[in-house]
Every structure is written in C-alpha cells, then in structure tokens.
Amino acid sequence: MSARPVAPKDEQPESFEFEPEVWAEAEKIIARYPEGRQQSAVMPLLDLAQRQHGWLPEAAIRTVAEKLGMPYIRAYEVATFYTMYNLAPVGKFHLQLCRTTPCWLRGADDLRRAIRDRTGLDHAGVSADGTFSLVEVECLGACCNAPMMQINDDYFEDLDYDSTCALLDKLAAGEDVTPGPVSGRKYSEPAEGRKTLLERAGGAS
C-alpha cells in the first residue's frame, strides 16, 4: 500500500472555521454522545471538516480537537490512521484502490494498470489536470465483489482492465456512472448463479 500524501507546510491554511450550517450539523452529532463522551464525535467531525474544505488540513484537525476539548495529537492520530481522511488536496474524483489479498488475487494489478494508462497516476498523487487522485488502501470490505475501488463516496466492483478504463473515461467526460458491480450481478449474489438452496421447503422449486 502506498503512503498517503501529506500537504507540506506552505500549502497548509493558517486557520479553519466551520461554516455555520456545517457546525449546526456537528452540534447535532456531538449531542448524541453522553456527557463527558463528546470526544467520541471526533471521526464524524473530521469528516465534516474534510467535506467542507475538500481535504483535511492540520488547521481543521486542530479546530476539531479544540471544539471537542481533546489534545490535538489525539485528533491527529485518528486523522492519520484512517485512510478516508485526505491529508493533502485530492482530485475531483478520488480513487481508493483496494490492494488487499482478495482484490489482488482477482486482478487489482489490472485496475492499477488501467488507472495509470488513463490518468498517468502510479501509486498515489493527483493527475495533472486535477480530475483524478489516487491512493492505494487496505480492505474496503467488499471482498466478494473483488476487485473493486472506491471513488469519492461510491463503490465500483467486479472491475477489470476494460471496465475500469471505461469508468474513468466516463468520469473524465462528465457522464453519469452507476455505482456497484459492473458485471451485472446484484450486490454480492453469486457471480455464477446459486449452487445451493435451490428448492423451497416441501420440495417446491
């Protein structure tokens, strides 16, 4: 797995403040936790900060820590541990390529080749035009639909070289794409059809 990019100091904003409507949502989230447990809201607040800013700068992490009354280093530890937090600017379409064993065995290398051929990205970074960014991640929990990758908030599964190229071409052209398995199967149903439980109780098929 490639290391996630971290924006250098000269690209870090000096400050960060939640927009009023975003902070109103943050307050609703904090209120869900018992008194004295508000620091448990650190993950959703980091997510809100990232969605507002486009990525998660150090100033935003510091603001979240201050709002929750926790040491900055504890919030920073959370932000640097989980790959869903982007510590540097990302492209319009942020590609998270799963490289864990099930995806790797079923062709993740072909997906990586397709990404390189279509975007020029290899391992990590942002494309020259800012349309795509790439990071390689650990298991995204869709092993039965391997190989797959997450693009922004959506999963795209059962991919191969050709379908990945087609998907990236559509995104680059501003066309709509449909999340989920590209193979035509529904969700995680067996790829080759059911092999068991073919009859109902009493012998009816």
N, C-alpha and C. Protein backbone atom coordinates (compact mmCIF):
# COMPACT_ATOMS: atom_id res chain seq x y z
N MET A 1 0.85 -1.19 0.00
CA MET A 1 0.00 0.00 0.00
C MET A 1 0.89 1.24 0.00
N SER A 2 0.59 2.21 -0.83
CA SER A 2 1.38 3.44 -0.89
C SER A 2 1.03 4.36 0.26
N ALA A 3 2.03 5.15 0.68
CA ALA A 3 1.79 6.11 1.75
C ALA A 3 0.89 7.23 1.25
N ARG A 4 0.02 7.72 2.13
CA ARG A 4 -0.85 8.82 1.75
C ARG A 4 -0.07 10.12 1.69
N PRO A 5 -0.33 10.94 0.68
CA PRO A 5 0.34 12.24 0.61
C PRO A 5 -0.08 13.14 1.78
N VAL A 6 0.84 13.95 2.25
CA VAL A 6 0.56 14.95 3.28
C VAL A 6 1.00 16.29 2.74
N ALA A 7 0.11 17.27 2.78
CA ALA A 7 0.44 18.59 2.24
C ALA A 7 1.59 19.22 3.02
N PRO A 8 2.56 19.80 2.34
CA PRO A 8 3.66 20.47 3.04
C PRO A 8 3.16 21.73 3.76
N LYS A 9 3.99 22.25 4.61
CA LYS A 9 3.61 23.38 5.44
C LYS A 9 3.16 24.58 4.62
N ASP A 10 3.83 24.84 3.49
CA ASP A 10 3.49 26.03 2.71
C ASP A 10 2.16 25.89 1.97
N GLU A 11 1.57 24.70 1.98
CA GLU A 11 0.25 24.50 1.37
C GLU A 11 -0.85 24.38 2.42
N GLN A 12 -0.47 24.45 3.69
CA GLN A 12 -1.44 24.32 4.77
C GLN A 12 -2.07 25.69 5.07
N PRO A 13 -3.40 25.77 5.12
CA PRO A 13 -4.03 27.05 5.52
C PRO A 13 -3.70 27.38 6.97
N GLU A 14 -3.65 28.66 7.27
CA GLU A 14 -3.29 29.09 8.62
C GLU A 14 -4.42 28.81 9.62
N SER A 15 -5.66 28.81 9.15
CA SER A 15 -6.77 28.63 10.08
C SER A 15 -7.91 27.90 9.39
N PHE A 16 -8.85 27.44 10.20
CA PHE A 16 -10.04 26.76 9.68
C PHE A 16 -11.18 27.02 10.65
N GLU A 17 -12.33 27.37 10.12
CA GLU A 17 -13.54 27.52 10.93
C GLU A 17 -14.70 26.82 10.22
N PHE A 18 -15.52 26.14 10.99
CA PHE A 18 -16.69 25.51 10.42
C PHE A 18 -17.66 26.57 9.91
N GLU A 19 -18.21 26.34 8.73
CA GLU A 19 -19.30 27.20 8.26
C GLU A 19 -20.51 26.98 9.15
N PRO A 20 -21.38 28.00 9.33
CA PRO A 20 -22.49 27.89 10.28
C PRO A 20 -23.37 26.66 10.08
N GLU A 21 -23.72 26.35 8.84
CA GLU A 21 -24.60 25.20 8.61
C GLU A 21 -23.88 23.88 8.89
N VAL A 22 -22.57 23.86 8.64
CA VAL A 22 -21.80 22.65 8.92
C VAL A 22 -21.65 22.47 10.43
N TRP A 23 -21.39 23.57 11.14
CA TRP A 23 -21.27 23.47 12.59
C TRP A 23 -22.59 23.09 13.24
N ALA A 24 -23.71 23.52 12.67
CA ALA A 24 -25.02 23.11 13.19
C ALA A 24 -25.17 21.58 13.10
N GLU A 25 -24.69 21.01 12.01
CA GLU A 25 -24.73 19.54 11.87
C GLU A 25 -23.78 18.89 12.86
N ALA A 26 -22.61 19.52 13.07
CA ALA A 26 -21.65 18.99 14.04
C ALA A 26 -22.24 18.97 15.45
N GLU A 27 -22.97 20.02 15.81
CA GLU A 27 -23.57 20.08 17.14
C GLU A 27 -24.61 18.97 17.33
N LYS A 28 -25.36 18.65 16.28
CA LYS A 28 -26.31 17.54 16.36
C LYS A 28 -25.59 16.22 16.63
N ILE A 29 -24.45 16.05 15.98
CA ILE A 29 -23.67 14.82 16.17
C ILE A 29 -23.11 14.75 17.59
N ILE A 30 -22.55 15.86 18.07
CA ILE A 30 -21.97 15.88 19.42
C ILE A 30 -23.04 15.57 20.46
N ALA A 31 -24.25 16.07 20.24
CA ALA A 31 -25.34 15.89 21.21
C ALA A 31 -25.77 14.43 21.36
N ARG A 32 -25.37 13.58 20.45
CA ARG A 32 -25.74 12.17 20.54
C ARG A 32 -24.96 11.41 21.61
N TYR A 33 -23.86 12.01 22.06
CA TYR A 33 -22.98 11.32 22.99
C TYR A 33 -23.26 11.76 24.43
N PRO A 34 -23.12 10.84 25.40
CA PRO A 34 -23.37 11.19 26.80
C PRO A 34 -22.40 12.27 27.28
N GLU A 35 -22.79 12.96 28.30
CA GLU A 35 -21.94 14.00 28.89
C GLU A 35 -20.59 13.40 29.25
N GLY A 36 -19.54 14.10 28.85
CA GLY A 36 -18.19 13.63 29.12
C GLY A 36 -17.63 12.72 28.04
N ARG A 37 -18.45 12.37 27.05
CA ARG A 37 -18.01 11.47 25.98
C ARG A 37 -18.02 12.17 24.62
N GLN A 38 -18.03 13.49 24.61
CA GLN A 38 -18.13 14.22 23.36
C GLN A 38 -16.94 14.00 22.43
N GLN A 39 -15.80 13.61 23.00
CA GLN A 39 -14.64 13.37 22.15
C GLN A 39 -14.85 12.19 21.21
N SER A 40 -15.84 11.36 21.50
CA SER A 40 -16.17 10.24 20.61
C SER A 40 -16.68 10.71 19.26
N ALA A 41 -17.02 11.99 19.15
CA ALA A 41 -17.51 12.54 17.89
C ALA A 41 -16.38 12.96 16.96
N VAL A 42 -15.14 12.63 17.31
CA VAL A 42 -14.01 13.12 16.53
C VAL A 42 -14.06 12.66 15.07
N MET A 43 -14.43 11.41 14.82
CA MET A 43 -14.42 10.92 13.44
C MET A 43 -15.45 11.62 12.55
N PRO A 44 -16.72 11.70 12.97
CA PRO A 44 -17.66 12.41 12.09
C PRO A 44 -17.35 13.89 11.94
N LEU A 45 -16.77 14.53 12.96
CA LEU A 45 -16.42 15.94 12.82
C LEU A 45 -15.24 16.14 11.86
N LEU A 46 -14.29 15.23 11.91
CA LEU A 46 -13.20 15.29 10.93
C LEU A 46 -13.76 15.12 9.51
N ASP A 47 -14.75 14.25 9.37
CA ASP A 47 -15.36 14.05 8.06
C ASP A 47 -16.08 15.31 7.60
N LEU A 48 -16.81 15.96 8.49
CA LEU A 48 -17.49 17.19 8.13
C LEU A 48 -16.48 18.27 7.71
N ALA A 49 -15.40 18.36 8.45
CA ALA A 49 -14.37 19.36 8.12
C ALA A 49 -13.78 19.07 6.75
N GLN A 50 -13.53 17.80 6.46
CA GLN A 50 -12.97 17.44 5.15
C GLN A 50 -13.94 17.75 4.02
N ARG A 51 -15.22 17.45 4.23
CA ARG A 51 -16.20 17.73 3.18
C ARG A 51 -16.34 19.24 2.93
N GLN A 52 -16.20 20.03 3.97
CA GLN A 52 -16.29 21.48 3.80
C GLN A 52 -15.08 22.01 3.03
N HIS A 53 -13.89 21.54 3.40
CA HIS A 53 -12.66 22.11 2.85
C HIS A 53 -12.21 21.41 1.57
N GLY A 54 -12.65 20.16 1.37
CA GLY A 54 -12.20 19.38 0.21
C GLY A 54 -11.11 18.39 0.56
N TRP A 55 -10.35 18.66 1.59
CA TRP A 55 -9.37 17.75 2.18
C TRP A 55 -9.18 18.19 3.63
N LEU A 56 -8.34 17.51 4.39
CA LEU A 56 -8.26 17.75 5.83
C LEU A 56 -6.89 18.34 6.21
N PRO A 57 -6.80 19.66 6.27
CA PRO A 57 -5.55 20.29 6.67
C PRO A 57 -5.35 20.22 8.19
N GLU A 58 -4.12 20.51 8.61
CA GLU A 58 -3.80 20.47 10.03
C GLU A 58 -4.66 21.45 10.82
N ALA A 59 -4.96 22.61 10.24
CA ALA A 59 -5.77 23.60 10.95
C ALA A 59 -7.16 23.07 11.25
N ALA A 60 -7.72 22.28 10.33
CA ALA A 60 -9.04 21.71 10.56
C ALA A 60 -9.00 20.66 11.66
N ILE A 61 -7.95 19.87 11.67
CA ILE A 61 -7.80 18.86 12.73
C ILE A 61 -7.68 19.57 14.09
N ARG A 62 -6.93 20.66 14.11
CA ARG A 62 -6.77 21.41 15.36
C ARG A 62 -8.10 22.01 15.81
N THR A 63 -8.89 22.52 14.88
CA THR A 63 -10.18 23.08 15.23
C THR A 63 -11.11 22.02 15.80
N VAL A 64 -11.13 20.85 15.17
CA VAL A 64 -11.96 19.75 15.68
C VAL A 64 -11.54 19.39 17.10
N ALA A 65 -10.23 19.30 17.33
CA ALA A 65 -9.74 18.96 18.67
C ALA A 65 -10.18 20.01 19.69
N GLU A 66 -10.08 21.28 19.33
CA GLU A 66 -10.48 22.35 20.24
C GLU A 66 -11.97 22.30 20.53
N LYS A 67 -12.77 22.06 19.51
CA LYS A 67 -14.22 22.01 19.70
C LYS A 67 -14.63 20.87 20.63
N LEU A 68 -13.87 19.79 20.62
CA LEU A 68 -14.20 18.61 21.42
C LEU A 68 -13.43 18.55 22.73
N GLY A 69 -12.57 19.54 22.98
CA GLY A 69 -11.82 19.58 24.23
C GLY A 69 -10.84 18.43 24.37
N MET A 70 -10.17 18.09 23.28
CA MET A 70 -9.21 16.99 23.32
C MET A 70 -7.85 17.48 22.81
N PRO A 71 -6.76 16.83 23.22
CA PRO A 71 -5.45 17.23 22.72
C PRO A 71 -5.37 17.09 21.20
N TYR A 72 -4.69 18.03 20.57
CA TYR A 72 -4.54 17.99 19.12
C TYR A 72 -3.96 16.67 18.65
N ILE A 73 -2.96 16.15 19.37
CA ILE A 73 -2.28 14.93 18.92
C ILE A 73 -3.23 13.75 18.84
N ARG A 74 -4.25 13.71 19.70
CA ARG A 74 -5.20 12.60 19.66
C ARG A 74 -6.08 12.68 18.42
N ALA A 75 -6.50 13.87 18.06
CA ALA A 75 -7.28 14.03 16.82
C ALA A 75 -6.39 13.75 15.62
N TYR A 76 -5.15 14.18 15.68
CA TYR A 76 -4.20 13.95 14.58
C TYR A 76 -3.94 12.46 14.39
N GLU A 77 -3.86 11.71 15.50
CA GLU A 77 -3.66 10.27 15.41
C GLU A 77 -4.81 9.60 14.67
N VAL A 78 -6.03 10.04 14.93
CA VAL A 78 -7.19 9.49 14.23
C VAL A 78 -7.13 9.82 12.75
N ALA A 79 -6.83 11.07 12.43
CA ALA A 79 -6.81 11.52 11.04
C ALA A 79 -5.74 10.82 10.22
N THR A 80 -4.62 10.51 10.84
CA THR A 80 -3.53 9.87 10.11
C THR A 80 -3.66 8.36 10.07
N PHE A 81 -4.51 7.78 10.92
CA PHE A 81 -4.68 6.32 10.93
C PHE A 81 -5.64 5.86 9.85
N TYR A 82 -6.75 6.57 9.67
CA TYR A 82 -7.80 6.11 8.76
C TYR A 82 -7.62 6.74 7.38
N THR A 83 -7.65 5.87 6.35
CA THR A 83 -7.35 6.34 5.00
C THR A 83 -8.47 7.16 4.38
N MET A 84 -9.64 7.21 5.02
CA MET A 84 -10.71 8.05 4.44
C MET A 84 -10.46 9.54 4.65
N TYR A 85 -9.48 9.87 5.48
CA TYR A 85 -9.14 11.28 5.68
C TYR A 85 -7.97 11.63 4.75
N ASN A 86 -8.18 12.65 3.93
CA ASN A 86 -7.19 13.06 2.95
C ASN A 86 -6.37 14.23 3.50
N LEU A 87 -5.10 14.01 3.69
CA LEU A 87 -4.23 14.99 4.33
C LEU A 87 -3.56 15.93 3.34
N ALA A 88 -3.95 15.83 2.08
CA ALA A 88 -3.45 16.71 1.04
C ALA A 88 -4.58 16.90 0.03
N PRO A 89 -4.52 17.93 -0.81
CA PRO A 89 -5.57 18.13 -1.81
C PRO A 89 -5.75 16.90 -2.69
N VAL A 90 -7.00 16.63 -3.05
CA VAL A 90 -7.32 15.49 -3.90
C VAL A 90 -8.02 15.98 -5.17
N GLY A 91 -8.17 15.08 -6.13
CA GLY A 91 -8.81 15.44 -7.38
C GLY A 91 -10.32 15.48 -7.26
N LYS A 92 -10.96 15.87 -8.34
CA LYS A 92 -12.42 15.88 -8.38
C LYS A 92 -12.97 14.49 -8.12
N PHE A 93 -12.27 13.48 -8.64
CA PHE A 93 -12.63 12.09 -8.41
C PHE A 93 -11.46 11.42 -7.68
N HIS A 94 -11.71 11.07 -6.42
CA HIS A 94 -10.65 10.49 -5.59
C HIS A 94 -10.78 8.98 -5.62
N LEU A 95 -9.78 8.31 -6.19
CA LEU A 95 -9.78 6.86 -6.36
C LEU A 95 -9.06 6.20 -5.20
N GLN A 96 -9.75 5.31 -4.51
CA GLN A 96 -9.13 4.50 -3.47
C GLN A 96 -9.11 3.05 -3.97
N LEU A 97 -7.95 2.60 -4.38
CA LEU A 97 -7.80 1.28 -4.96
C LEU A 97 -7.45 0.26 -3.89
N CYS A 98 -8.31 -0.74 -3.74
CA CYS A 98 -8.05 -1.78 -2.75
C CYS A 98 -6.96 -2.71 -3.26
N ARG A 99 -5.96 -2.95 -2.40
CA ARG A 99 -4.83 -3.81 -2.78
C ARG A 99 -4.68 -4.99 -1.83
N THR A 100 -5.70 -5.24 -1.00
CA THR A 100 -5.63 -6.37 -0.07
C THR A 100 -5.82 -7.67 -0.85
N THR A 101 -5.48 -8.80 -0.22
CA THR A 101 -5.34 -10.09 -0.91
C THR A 101 -6.49 -10.47 -1.83
N PRO A 102 -7.77 -10.43 -1.41
CA PRO A 102 -8.83 -10.84 -2.34
C PRO A 102 -8.85 -10.03 -3.64
N CYS A 103 -8.70 -8.70 -3.53
CA CYS A 103 -8.69 -7.87 -4.73
C CYS A 103 -7.43 -8.13 -5.56
N TRP A 104 -6.32 -8.29 -4.89
CA TRP A 104 -5.06 -8.54 -5.60
C TRP A 104 -5.13 -9.86 -6.37
N LEU A 105 -5.67 -10.91 -5.73
CA LEU A 105 -5.76 -12.22 -6.39
C LEU A 105 -6.71 -12.18 -7.58
N ARG A 106 -7.69 -11.29 -7.54
CA ARG A 106 -8.69 -11.25 -8.61
C ARG A 106 -8.45 -10.12 -9.63
N GLY A 107 -7.25 -9.52 -9.57
CA GLY A 107 -6.90 -8.63 -10.66
C GLY A 107 -6.71 -7.17 -10.35
N ALA A 108 -6.43 -6.82 -9.10
CA ALA A 108 -6.23 -5.41 -8.77
C ALA A 108 -5.07 -4.79 -9.55
N ASP A 109 -4.09 -5.62 -9.94
CA ASP A 109 -2.99 -5.09 -10.75
C ASP A 109 -3.49 -4.56 -12.09
N ASP A 110 -4.53 -5.21 -12.65
CA ASP A 110 -5.10 -4.73 -13.91
C ASP A 110 -5.79 -3.38 -13.72
N LEU A 111 -6.44 -3.21 -12.56
CA LEU A 111 -7.09 -1.93 -12.27
C LEU A 111 -6.04 -0.83 -12.13
N ARG A 112 -4.96 -1.16 -11.46
CA ARG A 112 -3.90 -0.17 -11.29
C ARG A 112 -3.30 0.21 -12.64
N ARG A 113 -3.15 -0.78 -13.54
CA ARG A 113 -2.63 -0.50 -14.88
C ARG A 113 -3.59 0.40 -15.65
N ALA A 114 -4.90 0.14 -15.52
CA ALA A 114 -5.90 0.96 -16.20
C ALA A 114 -5.85 2.40 -15.68
N ILE A 115 -5.72 2.55 -14.36
CA ILE A 115 -5.64 3.89 -13.77
C ILE A 115 -4.41 4.62 -14.29
N ARG A 116 -3.29 3.91 -14.36
CA ARG A 116 -2.06 4.55 -14.86
C ARG A 116 -2.22 4.96 -16.33
N ASP A 117 -2.83 4.07 -17.13
CA ASP A 117 -2.98 4.36 -18.55
C ASP A 117 -3.93 5.52 -18.81
N ARG A 118 -4.98 5.65 -17.97
CA ARG A 118 -5.98 6.69 -18.21
C ARG A 118 -5.68 8.01 -17.51
N THR A 119 -4.97 7.97 -16.38
CA THR A 119 -4.77 9.19 -15.60
C THR A 119 -3.30 9.59 -15.46
N GLY A 120 -2.40 8.67 -15.74
CA GLY A 120 -0.98 8.94 -15.55
C GLY A 120 -0.52 8.75 -14.12
N LEU A 121 -1.43 8.32 -13.24
CA LEU A 121 -1.09 8.16 -11.83
C LEU A 121 -0.56 6.76 -11.55
N ASP A 122 0.47 6.69 -10.73
CA ASP A 122 1.04 5.41 -10.33
C ASP A 122 1.28 5.45 -8.83
N HIS A 123 0.58 4.63 -8.09
CA HIS A 123 0.65 4.54 -6.62
C HIS A 123 -0.17 5.63 -5.93
N ALA A 124 0.19 6.90 -6.09
CA ALA A 124 -0.53 7.95 -5.37
C ALA A 124 -0.26 9.29 -6.04
N GLY A 125 -1.15 10.25 -5.78
CA GLY A 125 -0.96 11.59 -6.30
C GLY A 125 -2.21 12.12 -6.96
N VAL A 126 -2.08 13.27 -7.61
CA VAL A 126 -3.18 13.95 -8.29
C VAL A 126 -2.79 14.13 -9.75
N SER A 127 -3.73 13.86 -10.66
CA SER A 127 -3.44 13.99 -12.08
C SER A 127 -3.15 15.45 -12.43
N ALA A 128 -2.48 15.65 -13.55
CA ALA A 128 -2.03 16.99 -13.93
C ALA A 128 -3.19 17.97 -14.07
N ASP A 129 -4.35 17.48 -14.52
CA ASP A 129 -5.50 18.37 -14.70
C ASP A 129 -6.38 18.46 -13.47
N GLY A 130 -6.01 17.76 -12.39
CA GLY A 130 -6.78 17.82 -11.15
C GLY A 130 -8.06 17.00 -11.16
N THR A 131 -8.30 16.24 -12.23
CA THR A 131 -9.54 15.47 -12.31
C THR A 131 -9.51 14.26 -11.40
N PHE A 132 -8.38 13.56 -11.34
CA PHE A 132 -8.28 12.33 -10.57
C PHE A 132 -7.17 12.41 -9.52
N SER A 133 -7.39 11.72 -8.42
CA SER A 133 -6.32 11.47 -7.46
C SER A 133 -6.40 10.00 -7.07
N LEU A 134 -5.30 9.46 -6.62
CA LEU A 134 -5.21 8.03 -6.34
C LEU A 134 -4.49 7.78 -5.03
N VAL A 135 -5.02 6.82 -4.28
CA VAL A 135 -4.31 6.27 -3.12
C VAL A 135 -4.64 4.79 -3.05
N GLU A 136 -3.66 3.97 -2.71
CA GLU A 136 -3.89 2.55 -2.52
C GLU A 136 -4.20 2.30 -1.06
N VAL A 137 -5.25 1.51 -0.80
CA VAL A 137 -5.74 1.33 0.56
C VAL A 137 -5.86 -0.15 0.90
N GLU A 138 -6.05 -0.40 2.20
CA GLU A 138 -6.32 -1.75 2.67
C GLU A 138 -7.80 -2.05 2.47
N CYS A 139 -8.22 -3.22 2.90
CA CYS A 139 -9.54 -3.78 2.60
C CYS A 139 -10.67 -2.77 2.83
N LEU A 140 -11.53 -2.64 1.81
CA LEU A 140 -12.70 -1.77 1.89
C LEU A 140 -13.97 -2.55 2.18
N GLY A 141 -13.84 -3.84 2.46
CA GLY A 141 -14.97 -4.64 2.92
C GLY A 141 -15.91 -5.12 1.84
N ALA A 142 -15.44 -5.18 0.59
CA ALA A 142 -16.28 -5.69 -0.49
C ALA A 142 -15.58 -6.84 -1.19
N CYS A 143 -15.01 -7.73 -0.38
CA CYS A 143 -14.16 -8.80 -0.90
C CYS A 143 -14.89 -9.72 -1.88
N CYS A 144 -16.19 -9.97 -1.65
CA CYS A 144 -16.92 -10.88 -2.53
C CYS A 144 -17.17 -10.26 -3.90
N ASN A 145 -16.91 -8.96 -4.04
CA ASN A 145 -17.06 -8.28 -5.32
C ASN A 145 -15.71 -7.79 -5.84
N ALA A 146 -14.65 -8.47 -5.43
CA ALA A 146 -13.30 -8.09 -5.84
C ALA A 146 -13.09 -8.39 -7.33
N PRO A 147 -12.22 -7.58 -7.98
CA PRO A 147 -11.52 -6.41 -7.47
C PRO A 147 -12.41 -5.17 -7.54
N MET A 148 -12.15 -4.23 -6.67
CA MET A 148 -13.01 -3.05 -6.57
C MET A 148 -12.20 -1.83 -6.16
N MET A 149 -12.82 -0.68 -6.29
CA MET A 149 -12.24 0.54 -5.75
C MET A 149 -13.37 1.49 -5.36
N GLN A 150 -13.05 2.40 -4.46
CA GLN A 150 -13.99 3.43 -4.05
C GLN A 150 -13.63 4.72 -4.77
N ILE A 151 -14.65 5.37 -5.34
CA ILE A 151 -14.46 6.66 -5.99
C ILE A 151 -15.35 7.66 -5.26
N ASN A 152 -14.73 8.64 -4.62
CA ASN A 152 -15.44 9.55 -3.72
C ASN A 152 -16.21 8.72 -2.70
N ASP A 153 -17.54 8.78 -2.67
CA ASP A 153 -18.29 8.03 -1.66
C ASP A 153 -18.83 6.69 -2.17
N ASP A 154 -18.56 6.34 -3.41
CA ASP A 154 -19.21 5.17 -4.02
C ASP A 154 -18.25 4.03 -4.30
N TYR A 155 -18.78 2.81 -4.20
CA TYR A 155 -18.03 1.60 -4.53
C TYR A 155 -18.31 1.18 -5.97
N PHE A 156 -17.26 0.76 -6.67
CA PHE A 156 -17.37 0.19 -8.01
C PHE A 156 -16.67 -1.16 -7.97
N GLU A 157 -17.41 -2.22 -8.31
CA GLU A 157 -16.97 -3.58 -8.02
C GLU A 157 -16.97 -4.46 -9.26
N ASP A 158 -16.37 -5.65 -9.12
CA ASP A 158 -16.25 -6.62 -10.22
C ASP A 158 -15.55 -5.99 -11.42
N LEU A 159 -14.57 -5.17 -11.17
CA LEU A 159 -13.89 -4.44 -12.23
C LEU A 159 -12.82 -5.29 -12.90
N ASP A 160 -12.48 -4.95 -14.13
CA ASP A 160 -11.31 -5.47 -14.81
C ASP A 160 -10.66 -4.32 -15.57
N TYR A 161 -9.66 -4.61 -16.37
CA TYR A 161 -8.96 -3.52 -17.07
C TYR A 161 -9.90 -2.70 -17.94
N ASP A 162 -10.67 -3.38 -18.78
CA ASP A 162 -11.53 -2.67 -19.73
C ASP A 162 -12.63 -1.87 -19.03
N SER A 163 -13.28 -2.47 -18.03
CA SER A 163 -14.37 -1.76 -17.36
C SER A 163 -13.84 -0.58 -16.54
N THR A 164 -12.63 -0.71 -16.02
CA THR A 164 -12.03 0.41 -15.29
C THR A 164 -11.70 1.55 -16.24
N CYS A 165 -11.15 1.23 -17.40
CA CYS A 165 -10.88 2.26 -18.40
C CYS A 165 -12.17 2.97 -18.81
N ALA A 166 -13.22 2.18 -19.06
CA ALA A 166 -14.50 2.77 -19.47
C ALA A 166 -15.07 3.66 -18.38
N LEU A 167 -14.95 3.23 -17.12
CA LEU A 167 -15.45 4.01 -16.00
C LEU A 167 -14.71 5.34 -15.89
N LEU A 168 -13.40 5.30 -15.97
CA LEU A 168 -12.61 6.52 -15.87
C LEU A 168 -12.87 7.45 -17.05
N ASP A 169 -13.07 6.89 -18.23
CA ASP A 169 -13.38 7.71 -19.40
C ASP A 169 -14.70 8.45 -19.22
N LYS A 170 -15.70 7.76 -18.67
CA LYS A 170 -17.00 8.40 -18.44
C LYS A 170 -16.88 9.52 -17.42
N LEU A 171 -16.17 9.27 -16.35
CA LEU A 171 -15.99 10.30 -15.33
C LEU A 171 -15.28 11.53 -15.91
N ALA A 172 -14.24 11.29 -16.70
CA ALA A 172 -13.48 12.39 -17.28
C ALA A 172 -14.35 13.20 -18.25
N ALA A 173 -15.31 12.52 -18.89
CA ALA A 173 -16.18 13.19 -19.86
C ALA A 173 -17.40 13.83 -19.20
N GLY A 174 -17.53 13.68 -17.89
CA GLY A 174 -18.65 14.26 -17.18
C GLY A 174 -19.94 13.47 -17.31
N GLU A 175 -19.83 12.20 -17.70
CA GLU A 175 -21.01 11.36 -17.85
C GLU A 175 -21.38 10.72 -16.52
N ASP A 176 -22.66 10.36 -16.37
CA ASP A 176 -23.14 9.69 -15.17
C ASP A 176 -22.64 8.25 -15.14
N VAL A 177 -22.31 7.77 -13.96
CA VAL A 177 -21.90 6.38 -13.78
C VAL A 177 -22.75 5.77 -12.67
N THR A 178 -22.88 4.45 -12.70
CA THR A 178 -23.70 3.75 -11.72
C THR A 178 -22.80 2.97 -10.77
N PRO A 179 -22.86 3.26 -9.47
CA PRO A 179 -22.05 2.52 -8.51
C PRO A 179 -22.50 1.06 -8.41
N GLY A 180 -21.64 0.24 -7.79
CA GLY A 180 -21.96 -1.17 -7.58
C GLY A 180 -21.22 -2.06 -8.54
N PRO A 181 -21.62 -3.34 -8.61
CA PRO A 181 -20.95 -4.28 -9.51
C PRO A 181 -21.16 -3.88 -10.97
N VAL A 182 -20.08 -3.86 -11.75
CA VAL A 182 -20.20 -3.54 -13.17
C VAL A 182 -20.48 -4.79 -14.01
N SER A 183 -20.51 -5.95 -13.35
CA SER A 183 -20.70 -7.22 -14.05
C SER A 183 -22.17 -7.52 -14.33
N GLY A 184 -23.07 -6.77 -13.72
CA GLY A 184 -24.48 -7.03 -13.92
C GLY A 184 -25.13 -7.78 -12.78
N ARG A 185 -24.33 -8.39 -11.91
CA ARG A 185 -24.95 -9.09 -10.78
C ARG A 185 -25.44 -8.08 -9.75
N LYS A 186 -26.40 -8.49 -8.95
CA LYS A 186 -26.95 -7.61 -7.93
C LYS A 186 -26.19 -7.78 -6.63
N TYR A 187 -25.66 -6.68 -6.15
CA TYR A 187 -24.97 -6.67 -4.86
C TYR A 187 -23.90 -7.74 -4.81
N SER A 188 -23.99 -8.67 -3.85
CA SER A 188 -22.96 -9.71 -3.71
C SER A 188 -23.52 -11.10 -3.98
N GLU A 189 -24.53 -11.19 -4.85
CA GLU A 189 -25.06 -12.51 -5.21
C GLU A 189 -23.97 -13.31 -5.91
N PRO A 190 -24.06 -14.65 -5.91
CA PRO A 190 -23.01 -15.47 -6.53
C PRO A 190 -22.77 -15.07 -7.98
N ALA A 191 -21.51 -14.94 -8.34
CA ALA A 191 -21.17 -14.49 -9.69
C ALA A 191 -21.61 -15.49 -10.75
N GLU A 192 -21.66 -16.78 -10.42
CA GLU A 192 -22.03 -17.81 -11.38
C GLU A 192 -23.38 -18.42 -11.07
N GLY A 193 -24.20 -17.71 -10.33
CA GLY A 193 -25.52 -18.22 -10.00
C GLY A 193 -25.51 -19.07 -8.74
N ARG A 194 -26.68 -19.30 -8.18
CA ARG A 194 -26.80 -20.06 -6.94
C ARG A 194 -26.46 -21.53 -7.17
N LYS A 195 -25.78 -22.12 -6.19
CA LYS A 195 -25.43 -23.54 -6.22
C LYS A 195 -26.15 -24.32 -5.13
N THR A 196 -26.70 -23.62 -4.15
CA THR A 196 -27.38 -24.26 -3.02
C THR A 196 -28.73 -23.60 -2.80
N LEU A 197 -29.54 -24.20 -1.92
CA LEU A 197 -30.86 -23.68 -1.58
C LEU A 197 -31.69 -23.42 -2.84
N LEU A 198 -31.66 -24.38 -3.73
CA LEU A 198 -32.38 -24.25 -4.99
C LEU A 198 -33.83 -24.66 -4.89
N GLU A 199 -34.22 -25.32 -3.80
CA GLU A 199 -35.58 -25.75 -3.61
C GLU A 199 -36.15 -25.17 -2.33
N ARG A 200 -37.45 -24.88 -2.35
CA ARG A 200 -38.13 -24.42 -1.16
C ARG A 200 -38.50 -25.62 -0.28
N ALA A 201 -38.81 -25.34 0.97
CA ALA A 201 -39.25 -26.40 1.88
C ALA A 201 -40.47 -27.11 1.30
N GLY A 202 -40.49 -28.41 1.38
CA GLY A 202 -41.60 -29.19 0.84
C GLY A 202 -41.35 -29.65 -0.58
N GLY A 203 -40.19 -29.30 -1.14
CA GLY A 203 -39.83 -29.80 -2.46
C GLY A 203 -40.13 -28.86 -3.59
N ALA A 204 -40.86 -27.76 -3.35
CA ALA A 204 -41.16 -26.81 -4.44
C ALA A 204 -39.91 -26.07 -4.85
N SER A 205 -39.75 -25.86 -6.12
CA SER A 205 -38.55 -25.18 -6.62
C SER A 205 -38.77 -23.67 -6.62
